[in-house]
N, C-alpha and C. Protein backbone atom coordinates (compact mmCIF):
# COMPACT_ATOMS: atom_id res chain seq x y z
N UNK A 1 26.15 -12.52 -62.93
CA UNK A 1 26.18 -11.96 -61.60
C UNK A 1 24.81 -11.45 -61.19
N UNK A 2 24.06 -10.86 -62.10
CA UNK A 2 22.73 -10.35 -61.78
C UNK A 2 21.81 -11.48 -61.36
N UNK A 3 22.01 -12.65 -61.94
CA UNK A 3 21.19 -13.80 -61.58
C UNK A 3 21.37 -14.14 -60.09
N UNK A 4 22.60 -14.04 -59.59
CA UNK A 4 22.89 -14.33 -58.19
C UNK A 4 22.14 -13.35 -57.28
N UNK A 5 22.16 -12.06 -57.63
CA UNK A 5 21.46 -11.05 -56.82
C UNK A 5 19.96 -11.29 -56.82
N UNK A 6 19.43 -11.75 -57.92
CA UNK A 6 18.01 -12.06 -57.99
C UNK A 6 17.67 -13.20 -57.04
N UNK A 7 18.49 -14.22 -57.00
CA UNK A 7 18.28 -15.35 -56.09
C UNK A 7 18.35 -14.89 -54.64
N UNK A 8 19.34 -14.06 -54.33
CA UNK A 8 19.50 -13.56 -52.97
C UNK A 8 18.28 -12.72 -52.58
N UNK A 9 17.82 -11.86 -53.47
CA UNK A 9 16.66 -11.01 -53.18
C UNK A 9 15.41 -11.86 -52.96
N UNK A 10 15.23 -12.88 -53.76
CA UNK A 10 14.08 -13.77 -53.58
C UNK A 10 14.17 -14.54 -52.26
N UNK A 11 15.37 -14.93 -51.90
CA UNK A 11 15.57 -15.64 -50.63
C UNK A 11 15.25 -14.73 -49.45
N UNK A 12 15.71 -13.50 -49.51
CA UNK A 12 15.42 -12.54 -48.44
C UNK A 12 13.92 -12.27 -48.36
N UNK A 13 13.27 -12.11 -49.50
CA UNK A 13 11.83 -11.86 -49.52
C UNK A 13 11.08 -13.04 -48.93
N UNK A 14 11.51 -14.26 -49.22
CA UNK A 14 10.86 -15.45 -48.67
C UNK A 14 11.04 -15.51 -47.16
N UNK A 15 12.24 -15.17 -46.67
CA UNK A 15 12.48 -15.16 -45.23
C UNK A 15 11.60 -14.12 -44.53
N UNK A 16 11.48 -12.94 -45.12
CA UNK A 16 10.65 -11.89 -44.53
C UNK A 16 9.18 -12.29 -44.52
N UNK A 17 8.72 -12.93 -45.58
CA UNK A 17 7.33 -13.37 -45.64
C UNK A 17 7.08 -14.44 -44.58
N UNK A 18 8.03 -15.34 -44.39
CA UNK A 18 7.90 -16.36 -43.36
C UNK A 18 7.84 -15.74 -41.97
N UNK A 19 8.73 -14.77 -41.72
CA UNK A 19 8.73 -14.10 -40.41
C UNK A 19 7.45 -13.33 -40.18
N UNK A 20 6.90 -12.69 -41.22
CA UNK A 20 5.65 -11.96 -41.09
C UNK A 20 4.49 -12.92 -40.79
N UNK A 21 4.48 -14.04 -41.47
CA UNK A 21 3.43 -15.04 -41.21
C UNK A 21 3.53 -15.59 -39.80
N UNK A 22 4.74 -15.80 -39.34
CA UNK A 22 4.95 -16.28 -37.98
C UNK A 22 4.48 -15.24 -36.96
N UNK A 23 4.77 -13.98 -37.21
CA UNK A 23 4.33 -12.91 -36.30
C UNK A 23 2.80 -12.82 -36.28
N UNK A 24 2.16 -13.01 -37.44
CA UNK A 24 0.70 -12.99 -37.48
C UNK A 24 0.11 -14.14 -36.68
N UNK A 25 0.72 -15.31 -36.77
CA UNK A 25 0.22 -16.46 -36.01
C UNK A 25 0.37 -16.22 -34.51
N UNK A 26 1.47 -15.65 -34.10
CA UNK A 26 1.68 -15.35 -32.68
C UNK A 26 0.68 -14.30 -32.22
N UNK A 27 0.44 -13.28 -33.05
CA UNK A 27 -0.52 -12.23 -32.69
C UNK A 27 -1.92 -12.80 -32.56
N UNK A 28 -2.25 -13.81 -33.34
CA UNK A 28 -3.58 -14.43 -33.24
C UNK A 28 -3.75 -15.19 -31.94
N UNK A 29 -2.66 -15.65 -31.34
CA UNK A 29 -2.74 -16.41 -30.09
C UNK A 29 -2.94 -15.51 -28.88
N UNK A 30 -2.52 -14.26 -28.97
CA UNK A 30 -2.61 -13.33 -27.84
C UNK A 30 -4.03 -12.79 -27.77
N UNK A 31 -4.65 -12.85 -26.59
CA UNK A 31 -6.00 -12.31 -26.48
C UNK A 31 -6.01 -10.80 -26.68
N UNK A 32 -7.12 -10.28 -27.20
CA UNK A 32 -7.18 -8.86 -27.50
C UNK A 32 -7.32 -8.01 -26.25
N UNK A 33 -7.94 -8.52 -25.23
CA UNK A 33 -8.06 -7.74 -24.00
C UNK A 33 -7.42 -8.52 -22.86
N UNK A 34 -6.94 -7.83 -21.86
CA UNK A 34 -6.26 -8.51 -20.77
C UNK A 34 -7.19 -9.47 -20.04
N UNK A 35 -6.62 -10.48 -19.46
CA UNK A 35 -7.42 -11.45 -18.74
C UNK A 35 -7.95 -10.85 -17.45
N UNK A 36 -8.90 -11.52 -16.86
CA UNK A 36 -9.51 -11.07 -15.61
C UNK A 36 -8.47 -11.00 -14.50
N UNK A 37 -7.56 -11.94 -14.47
CA UNK A 37 -6.53 -11.96 -13.43
C UNK A 37 -5.61 -10.76 -13.58
N UNK A 38 -5.19 -10.45 -14.81
CA UNK A 38 -4.30 -9.31 -15.02
C UNK A 38 -4.99 -8.00 -14.66
N UNK A 39 -6.27 -7.87 -15.05
CA UNK A 39 -6.99 -6.64 -14.72
C UNK A 39 -7.15 -6.50 -13.22
N UNK A 40 -7.51 -7.60 -12.54
CA UNK A 40 -7.68 -7.55 -11.09
C UNK A 40 -6.37 -7.19 -10.40
N UNK A 41 -5.30 -7.79 -10.84
CA UNK A 41 -3.99 -7.50 -10.27
C UNK A 41 -3.61 -6.03 -10.50
N UNK A 42 -3.88 -5.52 -11.68
CA UNK A 42 -3.57 -4.13 -11.99
C UNK A 42 -4.38 -3.18 -11.11
N UNK A 43 -5.66 -3.48 -10.91
CA UNK A 43 -6.50 -2.64 -10.05
C UNK A 43 -6.00 -2.68 -8.61
N UNK A 44 -5.63 -3.85 -8.15
CA UNK A 44 -5.13 -4.00 -6.77
C UNK A 44 -3.83 -3.22 -6.58
N UNK A 45 -2.91 -3.35 -7.51
CA UNK A 45 -1.65 -2.63 -7.40
C UNK A 45 -1.86 -1.12 -7.49
N UNK A 46 -2.81 -0.69 -8.30
CA UNK A 46 -3.11 0.74 -8.38
C UNK A 46 -3.67 1.25 -7.05
N UNK A 47 -4.53 0.46 -6.42
CA UNK A 47 -5.09 0.87 -5.13
C UNK A 47 -3.99 0.95 -4.07
N UNK A 48 -3.09 -0.01 -4.05
CA UNK A 48 -1.98 0.01 -3.10
C UNK A 48 -1.10 1.23 -3.34
N UNK A 49 -0.84 1.53 -4.61
CA UNK A 49 -0.02 2.68 -4.95
C UNK A 49 -0.68 3.98 -4.51
N UNK A 50 -1.99 4.11 -4.75
CA UNK A 50 -2.69 5.32 -4.31
C UNK A 50 -2.67 5.44 -2.80
N UNK A 51 -2.84 4.32 -2.10
CA UNK A 51 -2.80 4.35 -0.64
C UNK A 51 -1.44 4.76 -0.11
N UNK A 52 -0.40 4.21 -0.68
CA UNK A 52 0.94 4.55 -0.20
C UNK A 52 1.28 6.01 -0.53
N UNK A 53 0.78 6.51 -1.65
CA UNK A 53 1.00 7.92 -1.99
C UNK A 53 0.29 8.82 -0.99
N UNK A 54 -0.92 8.44 -0.60
CA UNK A 54 -1.66 9.24 0.39
C UNK A 54 -0.93 9.24 1.73
N UNK A 55 -0.43 8.11 2.14
CA UNK A 55 0.33 8.02 3.40
C UNK A 55 1.59 8.88 3.33
N UNK A 56 2.28 8.82 2.19
CA UNK A 56 3.50 9.62 2.03
C UNK A 56 3.18 11.11 2.08
N UNK A 57 2.06 11.52 1.48
CA UNK A 57 1.68 12.94 1.54
C UNK A 57 1.38 13.36 2.97
N UNK A 58 0.68 12.50 3.73
CA UNK A 58 0.39 12.83 5.12
C UNK A 58 1.67 12.94 5.94
N UNK A 59 2.61 12.03 5.71
CA UNK A 59 3.89 12.10 6.42
C UNK A 59 4.65 13.37 6.05
N UNK A 60 4.64 13.71 4.77
CA UNK A 60 5.32 14.94 4.34
C UNK A 60 4.67 16.16 4.98
N UNK A 61 3.34 16.20 5.04
CA UNK A 61 2.64 17.33 5.67
C UNK A 61 3.00 17.42 7.14
N UNK A 62 3.03 16.27 7.83
CA UNK A 62 3.38 16.24 9.24
C UNK A 62 4.81 16.69 9.48
N UNK A 63 5.71 16.25 8.64
CA UNK A 63 7.12 16.64 8.76
C UNK A 63 7.27 18.14 8.51
N UNK A 64 6.55 18.65 7.52
CA UNK A 64 6.62 20.09 7.23
C UNK A 64 6.08 20.89 8.41
N UNK A 65 4.98 20.43 9.01
CA UNK A 65 4.43 21.13 10.17
C UNK A 65 5.42 21.12 11.34
N UNK A 66 6.05 19.98 11.58
CA UNK A 66 7.04 19.88 12.65
C UNK A 66 8.22 20.81 12.38
N UNK A 67 8.64 20.89 11.16
CA UNK A 67 9.76 21.75 10.80
C UNK A 67 9.40 23.22 11.01
N UNK A 68 8.19 23.60 10.61
CA UNK A 68 7.76 24.98 10.81
C UNK A 68 7.70 25.30 12.31
N UNK A 69 7.19 24.38 13.09
CA UNK A 69 7.10 24.61 14.54
C UNK A 69 8.49 24.74 15.16
N UNK A 70 9.43 23.94 14.70
CA UNK A 70 10.77 23.99 15.29
C UNK A 70 11.53 25.25 14.88
N UNK A 71 11.21 25.80 13.73
CA UNK A 71 11.89 27.01 13.27
C UNK A 71 11.18 28.28 13.69
N UNK A 72 9.98 28.16 14.23
CA UNK A 72 9.23 29.35 14.64
C UNK A 72 9.95 30.07 15.78
N UNK A 73 10.12 31.36 15.67
CA UNK A 73 10.84 32.10 16.71
C UNK A 73 9.99 32.26 17.98
N UNK A 74 10.64 32.14 19.11
CA UNK A 74 9.98 32.41 20.37
C UNK A 74 9.14 31.30 20.93
N UNK A 75 9.19 30.15 20.39
CA UNK A 75 8.38 29.06 20.95
C UNK A 75 9.26 27.99 21.51
């Protein structure tokens, strides 16, 4: 019976070694730094996000000012 467990353990070890080698090969194919297109797209999306956040802040400030004016007594 111990012989069977030894075979199973060796088989599992071989499968894990194969999967590790496969993962290393895949990792070698992936570039270490993002491509120019990805970086450009990320910068563009960040700029759009910052712009929309600034617009939202201005709208919030305007809405708050309008609310204060409408709640002000005597006006």
